[in-house]
Amino acid sequence: MERLSLEDVAQGSLTGQRPMTAIRIVAWIVIVLMGANMANVALRSGFDHGVGFDTFLAGQSDPWQTFIDNDLVSGLLFAVTWLIFRERGGRTIDTIAWVWMVMWWGNIVVAVYVLHAVARSGGDWQLFWLGRRAGLREPAPLSPMLRLSCALVAAAVAFWLAAAIAQAGFAAIATFGYLAGFLPVILSLALLALPRRASF
């Protein structure tokens, strides 16, 4: 049985797929569990009160909820630190979109990013952990049809967002929650729709 040590990972000597498969499995488990939780929220509570921001703020009166929230945010800060380190040298706006998505939507986005990193690394641990710092190249551009689809979905989310804010009566907390939660979604889809020419 192959044993994975930190030294092997640090030296980049492992290129085997089995550890990468384990990472993929864990990422997919997180995506399925968090997707189910999001579906539960959508069905039982809805997004009509600021995408959970009001609930997050209300929970701050309970010390245990504050502890849990701070623990979550601390873990997300570790994840975005790795993400920023790994993406250095790429388009800054792409990194901003990833970080914003992670800090608002949490571990489901971390899991998507991990799958992205695994796919781009080709089984190479140095590329997985270090990204561009280890020589990771830009991905092939998306097909025109996929780029058009991303642009259309971004426009649909933007229209839905405007309608949702209007339906909430432009209430401050709900509006902030909507904007903070869905602007990064729109930005991410728009970036996928745009060709990668600029490094802004």
C-alpha atoms as a PDB file:
ATOM      1  CA  MET A   1       0.000   0.000   0.000  1.00  0.00           C
ATOM      2  CA  GLU A   2       1.382   3.387  -1.026  1.00  0.00           C
ATOM      3  CA  ARG A   3       2.064   5.697   1.905  1.00  0.00           C
ATOM      4  CA  LEU A   4       1.838   9.429   1.396  1.00  0.00           C
ATOM      5  CA  SER A   5       4.239  11.458   3.534  1.00  0.00           C
ATOM      6  CA  LEU A   6       4.517  15.215   3.823  1.00  0.00           C
ATOM      7  CA  GLU A   7       8.117  14.975   2.650  1.00  0.00           C
ATOM      8  CA  ASP A   8       6.977  13.272  -0.566  1.00  0.00           C
ATOM      9  CA  VAL A   9       4.415  15.983  -1.186  1.00  0.00           C
ATOM     10  CA  ALA A  10       6.887  18.762  -0.359  1.00  0.00           C
ATOM     11  CA  GLN A  11       9.475  17.287  -2.728  1.00  0.00           C
ATOM     12  CA  GLY A  12       6.870  16.740  -5.421  1.00  0.00           C
ATOM     13  CA  SER A  13       8.031  13.157  -5.900  1.00  0.00           C
ATOM     14  CA  LEU A  14       4.528  11.717  -5.946  1.00  0.00           C
ATOM     15  CA  THR A  15       2.634  11.832  -9.176  1.00  0.00           C
ATOM     16  CA  GLY A  16       0.315   8.948  -8.395  1.00  0.00           C
ATOM     17  CA  GLN A  17      -3.398   9.316  -8.954  1.00  0.00           C
ATOM     18  CA  ARG A  18      -4.651   7.477  -5.856  1.00  0.00           C
ATOM     19  CA  PRO A  19      -4.149  10.382  -3.412  1.00  0.00           C
ATOM     20  CA  MET A  20      -5.626  12.766  -5.990  1.00  0.00           C
ATOM     21  CA  THR A  21      -8.641  10.451  -6.288  1.00  0.00           C
ATOM     22  CA  ALA A  22      -9.138  10.638  -2.519  1.00  0.00           C
ATOM     23  CA  ILE A  23      -9.057  14.427  -2.704  1.00  0.00           C
ATOM     24  CA  ARG A  24     -11.621  14.360  -5.535  1.00  0.00           C
ATOM     25  CA  ILE A  25     -13.908  12.082  -3.528  1.00  0.00           C
ATOM     26  CA  VAL A  26     -13.782  14.335  -0.466  1.00  0.00           C
ATOM     27  CA  ALA A  27     -14.418  17.425  -2.618  1.00  0.00           C
ATOM     28  CA  TRP A  28     -17.440  15.770  -4.258  1.00  0.00           C
ATOM     29  CA  ILE A  29     -18.799  14.707  -0.853  1.00  0.00           C
ATOM     30  CA  VAL A  30     -18.548  18.331   0.336  1.00  0.00           C
ATOM     31  CA  ILE A  31     -20.257  19.581  -2.836  1.00  0.00           C
ATOM     32  CA  VAL A  32     -23.113  17.077  -2.514  1.00  0.00           C
ATOM     33  CA  LEU A  33     -23.628  17.747   1.216  1.00  0.00           C
ATOM     34  CA  MET A  34     -23.478  21.520   0.876  1.00  0.00           C
ATOM     35  CA  GLY A  35     -25.614  21.409  -2.273  1.00  0.00           C
ATOM     36  CA  ALA A  36     -28.239  19.457  -0.324  1.00  0.00           C
ATOM     37  CA  ASN A  37     -28.044  22.024   2.464  1.00  0.00           C
ATOM     38  CA  MET A  38     -28.466  24.868  -0.043  1.00  0.00           C
ATOM     39  CA  ALA A  39     -31.487  23.109  -1.555  1.00  0.00           C
ATOM     40  CA  ASN A  40     -32.940  22.717   1.949  1.00  0.00           C
ATOM     41  CA  VAL A  41     -32.442  26.435   2.620  1.00  0.00           C
ATOM     42  CA  ALA A  42     -33.981  27.366  -0.747  1.00  0.00           C
ATOM     43  CA  LEU A  43     -37.037  25.172  -0.138  1.00  0.00           C
ATOM     44  CA  ARG A  44     -37.620  25.819   3.570  1.00  0.00           C
ATOM     45  CA  SER A  45     -36.382  29.368   4.082  1.00  0.00           C
ATOM     46  CA  GLY A  46     -35.644  30.939   0.704  1.00  0.00           C
ATOM     47  CA  PHE A  47     -33.217  33.594  -0.326  1.00  0.00           C
ATOM     48  CA  ASP A  48     -35.692  36.445   0.127  1.00  0.00           C
ATOM     49  CA  HIS A  49     -34.134  37.838   3.266  1.00  0.00           C
ATOM     50  CA  GLY A  50     -30.539  38.505   2.222  1.00  0.00           C
ATOM     51  CA  VAL A  51     -29.039  35.096   1.468  1.00  0.00           C
ATOM     52  CA  GLY A  52     -28.591  34.204   5.135  1.00  0.00           C
ATOM     53  CA  PHE A  53     -26.770  37.381   6.164  1.00  0.00           C
ATOM     54  CA  ASP A  54     -29.506  38.298   8.644  1.00  0.00           C
ATOM     55  CA  THR A  55     -29.316  34.791  10.147  1.00  0.00           C
ATOM     56  CA  PHE A  56     -25.526  35.050  10.416  1.00  0.00           C
ATOM     57  CA  LEU A  57     -25.828  38.378  12.244  1.00  0.00           C
ATOM     58  CA  ALA A  58     -28.637  37.125  14.514  1.00  0.00           C
ATOM     59  CA  GLY A  59     -26.528  34.144  15.552  1.00  0.00           C
ATOM     60  CA  GLN A  60     -23.861  36.427  17.002  1.00  0.00           C
ATOM     61  CA  SER A  61     -25.886  36.772  20.219  1.00  0.00           C
ATOM     62  CA  ASP A  62     -25.248  33.090  21.034  1.00  0.00           C
ATOM     63  CA  PRO A  63     -21.626  32.448  22.146  1.00  0.00           C
ATOM     64  CA  TRP A  64     -21.591  28.958  20.614  1.00  0.00           C
ATOM     65  CA  GLN A  65     -22.911  30.208  17.295  1.00  0.00           C
ATOM     66  CA  THR A  66     -20.276  32.946  17.362  1.00  0.00           C
ATOM     67  CA  PHE A  67     -17.600  30.308  18.021  1.00  0.00           C
ATOM     68  CA  ILE A  68     -18.850  28.120  15.150  1.00  0.00           C
ATOM     69  CA  ASP A  69     -19.070  31.089  12.763  1.00  0.00           C
ATOM     70  CA  ASN A  70     -15.567  32.274  13.685  1.00  0.00           C
ATOM     71  CA  ASP A  71     -14.197  28.751  13.312  1.00  0.00           C
ATOM     72  CA  LEU A  72     -15.720  28.529   9.829  1.00  0.00           C
ATOM     73  CA  VAL A  73     -14.349  31.921   8.800  1.00  0.00           C
ATOM     74  CA  SER A  74     -10.893  31.025  10.178  1.00  0.00           C
ATOM     75  CA  GLY A  75     -10.813  27.863   8.076  1.00  0.00           C
ATOM     76  CA  LEU A  76     -11.932  29.808   5.021  1.00  0.00           C
ATOM     77  CA  LEU A  77      -9.091  32.283   5.607  1.00  0.00           C
ATOM     78  CA  PHE A  78      -6.608  29.373   5.437  1.00  0.00           C
ATOM     79  CA  ALA A  79      -8.228  28.217   2.191  1.00  0.00           C
ATOM     80  CA  VAL A  80      -8.117  31.664   0.565  1.00  0.00           C
ATOM     81  CA  THR A  81      -4.509  32.143   1.664  1.00  0.00           C
ATOM     82  CA  TRP A  82      -3.582  28.971  -0.257  1.00  0.00           C
ATOM     83  CA  LEU A  83      -5.751  30.058  -3.184  1.00  0.00           C
ATOM     84  CA  ILE A  84      -4.101  33.493  -3.388  1.00  0.00           C
ATOM     85  CA  PHE A  85      -0.631  31.942  -3.073  1.00  0.00           C
ATOM     86  CA  ARG A  86      -1.441  29.370  -5.770  1.00  0.00           C
ATOM     87  CA  GLU A  87      -2.995  31.896  -8.189  1.00  0.00           C
ATOM     88  CA  ARG A  88      -0.259  34.530  -7.909  1.00  0.00           C
ATOM     89  CA  GLY A  89       0.828  35.608 -11.369  1.00  0.00           C
ATOM     90  CA  GLY A  90      -2.594  35.058 -12.898  1.00  0.00           C
ATOM     91  CA  ARG A  91      -5.340  37.547 -13.617  1.00  0.00           C
ATOM     92  CA  THR A  92      -5.961  39.430 -10.353  1.00  0.00           C
ATOM     93  CA  ILE A  93      -9.682  39.781 -11.029  1.00  0.00           C
ATOM     94  CA  ASP A  94      -9.983  35.966 -11.238  1.00  0.00           C
ATOM     95  CA  THR A  95      -8.371  35.625  -7.810  1.00  0.00           C
ATOM     96  CA  ILE A  96     -10.681  38.294  -6.393  1.00  0.00           C
ATOM     97  CA  ALA A  97     -13.696  36.405  -7.756  1.00  0.00           C
ATOM     98  CA  TRP A  98     -12.529  33.115  -6.191  1.00  0.00           C
ATOM     99  CA  VAL A  99     -11.795  34.733  -2.813  1.00  0.00           C
ATOM    100  CA  TRP A 100     -15.125  36.587  -2.750  1.00  0.00           C
ATOM    101  CA  MET A 101     -16.993  33.409  -3.650  1.00  0.00           C
ATOM    102  CA  VAL A 102     -15.191  31.406  -0.944  1.00  0.00           C
ATOM    103  CA  MET A 103     -15.750  34.019   1.760  1.00  0.00           C
ATOM    104  CA  TRP A 104     -19.473  34.250   1.008  1.00  0.00           C
ATOM    105  CA  TRP A 105     -20.491  30.745  -0.093  1.00  0.00           C
ATOM    106  CA  GLY A 106     -17.954  28.820   1.993  1.00  0.00           C
ATOM    107  CA  ASN A 107     -16.669  25.303   1.643  1.00  0.00           C
ATOM    108  CA  ILE A 108     -18.739  24.362  -1.389  1.00  0.00           C
ATOM    109  CA  VAL A 109     -16.610  26.852  -3.350  1.00  0.00           C
ATOM    110  CA  VAL A 110     -13.430  25.584  -1.662  1.00  0.00           C
ATOM    111  CA  ALA A 111     -14.382  22.081  -2.858  1.00  0.00           C
ATOM    112  CA  VAL A 112     -14.969  23.356  -6.414  1.00  0.00           C
ATOM    113  CA  TYR A 113     -11.576  25.104  -6.312  1.00  0.00           C
ATOM    114  CA  VAL A 114      -9.910  21.905  -5.079  1.00  0.00           C
ATOM    115  CA  LEU A 115     -11.440  19.987  -8.010  1.00  0.00           C
ATOM    116  CA  HIS A 116     -10.203  22.757 -10.317  1.00  0.00           C
ATOM    117  CA  ALA A 117      -6.681  22.487  -8.826  1.00  0.00           C
ATOM    118  CA  VAL A 118      -6.675  18.679  -9.090  1.00  0.00           C
ATOM    119  CA  ALA A 119      -7.808  18.775 -12.718  1.00  0.00           C
ATOM    120  CA  ARG A 120      -5.231  21.399 -13.684  1.00  0.00           C
ATOM    121  CA  SER A 121      -2.372  19.659 -11.840  1.00  0.00           C
ATOM    122  CA  GLY A 122      -2.507  16.453 -13.880  1.00  0.00           C
ATOM    123  CA  GLY A 123      -1.568  14.417 -10.799  1.00  0.00           C
ATOM    124  CA  ASP A 124       1.514  16.536 -10.008  1.00  0.00           C
ATOM    125  CA  TRP A 125       1.548  17.494  -6.326  1.00  0.00           C
ATOM    126  CA  GLN A 126       3.759  20.547  -6.853  1.00  0.00           C
ATOM    127  CA  LEU A 127       1.330  21.915  -9.426  1.00  0.00           C
ATOM    128  CA  PHE A 128      -1.586  21.098  -7.113  1.00  0.00           C
ATOM    129  CA  TRP A 129      -0.145  22.913  -4.095  1.00  0.00           C
ATOM    130  CA  LEU A 130       1.903  25.656  -5.768  1.00  0.00           C
ATOM    131  CA  GLY A 131      -0.022  26.335  -8.976  1.00  0.00           C
ATOM    132  CA  ARG A 132       1.605  29.021 -11.102  1.00  0.00           C
ATOM    133  CA  ARG A 133       4.598  29.159  -8.764  1.00  0.00           C
ATOM    134  CA  ALA A 134       5.458  25.638  -9.948  1.00  0.00           C
ATOM    135  CA  GLY A 135       4.972  26.483 -13.617  1.00  0.00           C
ATOM    136  CA  LEU A 136       1.252  25.811 -14.062  1.00  0.00           C
ATOM    137  CA  ARG A 137       0.159  27.222 -17.426  1.00  0.00           C
ATOM    138  CA  GLU A 138      -3.066  28.961 -18.366  1.00  0.00           C
ATOM    139  CA  PRO A 139      -5.898  26.581 -19.252  1.00  0.00           C
ATOM    140  CA  ALA A 140      -7.174  26.261 -22.790  1.00  0.00           C
ATOM    141  CA  PRO A 141      -9.860  28.852 -23.583  1.00  0.00           C
ATOM    142  CA  LEU A 142     -13.486  27.838 -23.259  1.00  0.00           C
ATOM    143  CA  SER A 143     -15.432  27.132 -26.414  1.00  0.00           C
ATOM    144  CA  PRO A 144     -17.491  30.042 -27.795  1.00  0.00           C
ATOM    145  CA  MET A 145     -20.739  28.180 -26.975  1.00  0.00           C
ATOM    146  CA  LEU A 146     -19.698  27.652 -23.346  1.00  0.00           C
ATOM    147  CA  ARG A 147     -18.609  31.292 -23.067  1.00  0.00           C
ATOM    148  CA  LEU A 148     -21.969  32.422 -24.465  1.00  0.00           C
ATOM    149  CA  SER A 149     -23.777  30.149 -21.981  1.00  0.00           C
ATOM    150  CA  CYS A 150     -21.822  31.701 -19.089  1.00  0.00           C
ATOM    151  CA  ALA A 151     -22.709  35.199 -20.318  1.00  0.00           C
ATOM    152  CA  LEU A 152     -26.421  34.317 -20.560  1.00  0.00           C
ATOM    153  CA  VAL A 153     -26.466  32.773 -17.080  1.00  0.00           C
ATOM    154  CA  ALA A 154     -24.641  35.839 -15.693  1.00  0.00           C
ATOM    155  CA  ALA A 155     -27.308  38.087 -17.261  1.00  0.00           C
ATOM    156  CA  ALA A 156     -30.122  35.898 -15.879  1.00  0.00           C
ATOM    157  CA  VAL A 157     -28.620  36.008 -12.357  1.00  0.00           C
ATOM    158  CA  ALA A 158     -28.231  39.798 -12.645  1.00  0.00           C
ATOM    159  CA  PHE A 159     -31.910  40.207 -13.603  1.00  0.00           C
ATOM    160  CA  TRP A 160     -32.989  37.857 -10.802  1.00  0.00           C
ATOM    161  CA  LEU A 161     -30.778  39.772  -8.345  1.00  0.00           C
ATOM    162  CA  ALA A 162     -32.335  43.117  -9.289  1.00  0.00           C
ATOM    163  CA  ALA A 163     -35.836  41.666  -8.936  1.00  0.00           C
ATOM    164  CA  ALA A 164     -35.021  40.055  -5.573  1.00  0.00           C
ATOM    165  CA  ILE A 165     -33.633  43.307  -4.160  1.00  0.00           C
ATOM    166  CA  ALA A 166     -36.701  45.198  -5.363  1.00  0.00           C
ATOM    167  CA  GLN A 167     -38.996  42.525  -3.866  1.00  0.00           C
ATOM    168  CA  ALA A 168     -37.174  42.891  -0.521  1.00  0.00           C
ATOM    169  CA  GLY A 169     -38.027  46.603  -0.648  1.00  0.00           C
ATOM    170  CA  PHE A 170     -34.334  47.564  -0.777  1.00  0.00           C
ATOM    171  CA  ALA A 171     -34.022  46.706   2.935  1.00  0.00           C
ATOM    172  CA  ALA A 172     -30.406  47.335   3.996  1.00  0.00           C
ATOM    173  CA  ILE A 173     -29.449  43.899   5.353  1.00  0.00           C
ATOM    174  CA  ALA A 174     -31.280  41.972   2.638  1.00  0.00           C
ATOM    175  CA  THR A 175     -29.806  44.172  -0.103  1.00  0.00           C
ATOM    176  CA  PHE A 176     -26.297  43.787   1.316  1.00  0.00           C
ATOM    177  CA  GLY A 177     -26.758  40.017   1.556  1.00  0.00           C
ATOM    178  CA  TYR A 178     -28.018  39.763  -2.011  1.00  0.00           C
ATOM    179  CA  LEU A 179     -25.237  41.926  -3.422  1.00  0.00           C
ATOM    180  CA  ALA A 180     -22.443  40.293  -1.410  1.00  0.00           C
ATOM    181  CA  GLY A 181     -23.746  36.834  -2.252  1.00  0.00           C
ATOM    182  CA  PHE A 182     -24.604  37.126  -5.926  1.00  0.00           C
ATOM    183  CA  LEU A 183     -22.269  39.770  -7.362  1.00  0.00           C
ATOM    184  CA  PRO A 184     -19.346  37.307  -7.139  1.00  0.00           C
ATOM    185  CA  VAL A 185     -21.470  34.712  -8.954  1.00  0.00           C
ATOM    186  CA  ILE A 186     -22.164  37.214 -11.740  1.00  0.00           C
ATOM    187  CA  LEU A 187     -18.490  38.268 -11.802  1.00  0.00           C
ATOM    188  CA  SER A 188     -17.282  34.654 -11.999  1.00  0.00           C
ATOM    189  CA  LEU A 189     -19.649  33.827 -14.855  1.00  0.00           C
ATOM    190  CA  ALA A 190     -18.694  37.030 -16.690  1.00  0.00           C
ATOM    191  CA  LEU A 191     -14.994  36.190 -16.318  1.00  0.00           C
ATOM    192  CA  LEU A 192     -15.628  32.741 -17.770  1.00  0.00           C
ATOM    193  CA  ALA A 193     -17.427  34.400 -20.681  1.00  0.00           C
ATOM    194  CA  LEU A 194     -14.584  36.828 -21.388  1.00  0.00           C
ATOM    195  CA  PRO A 195     -11.390  35.804 -23.184  1.00  0.00           C
ATOM    196  CA  ARG A 196      -8.233  35.883 -21.041  1.00  0.00           C
ATOM    197  CA  ARG A 197      -6.398  38.742 -22.716  1.00  0.00           C
ATOM    198  CA  ALA A 198      -5.754  41.177 -19.921  1.00  0.00           C
ATOM    199  CA  SER A 199      -3.939  40.611 -16.619  1.00  0.00           C
ATOM    200  CA  PHE A 200      -5.959  43.098 -14.584  1.00  0.00           C
END
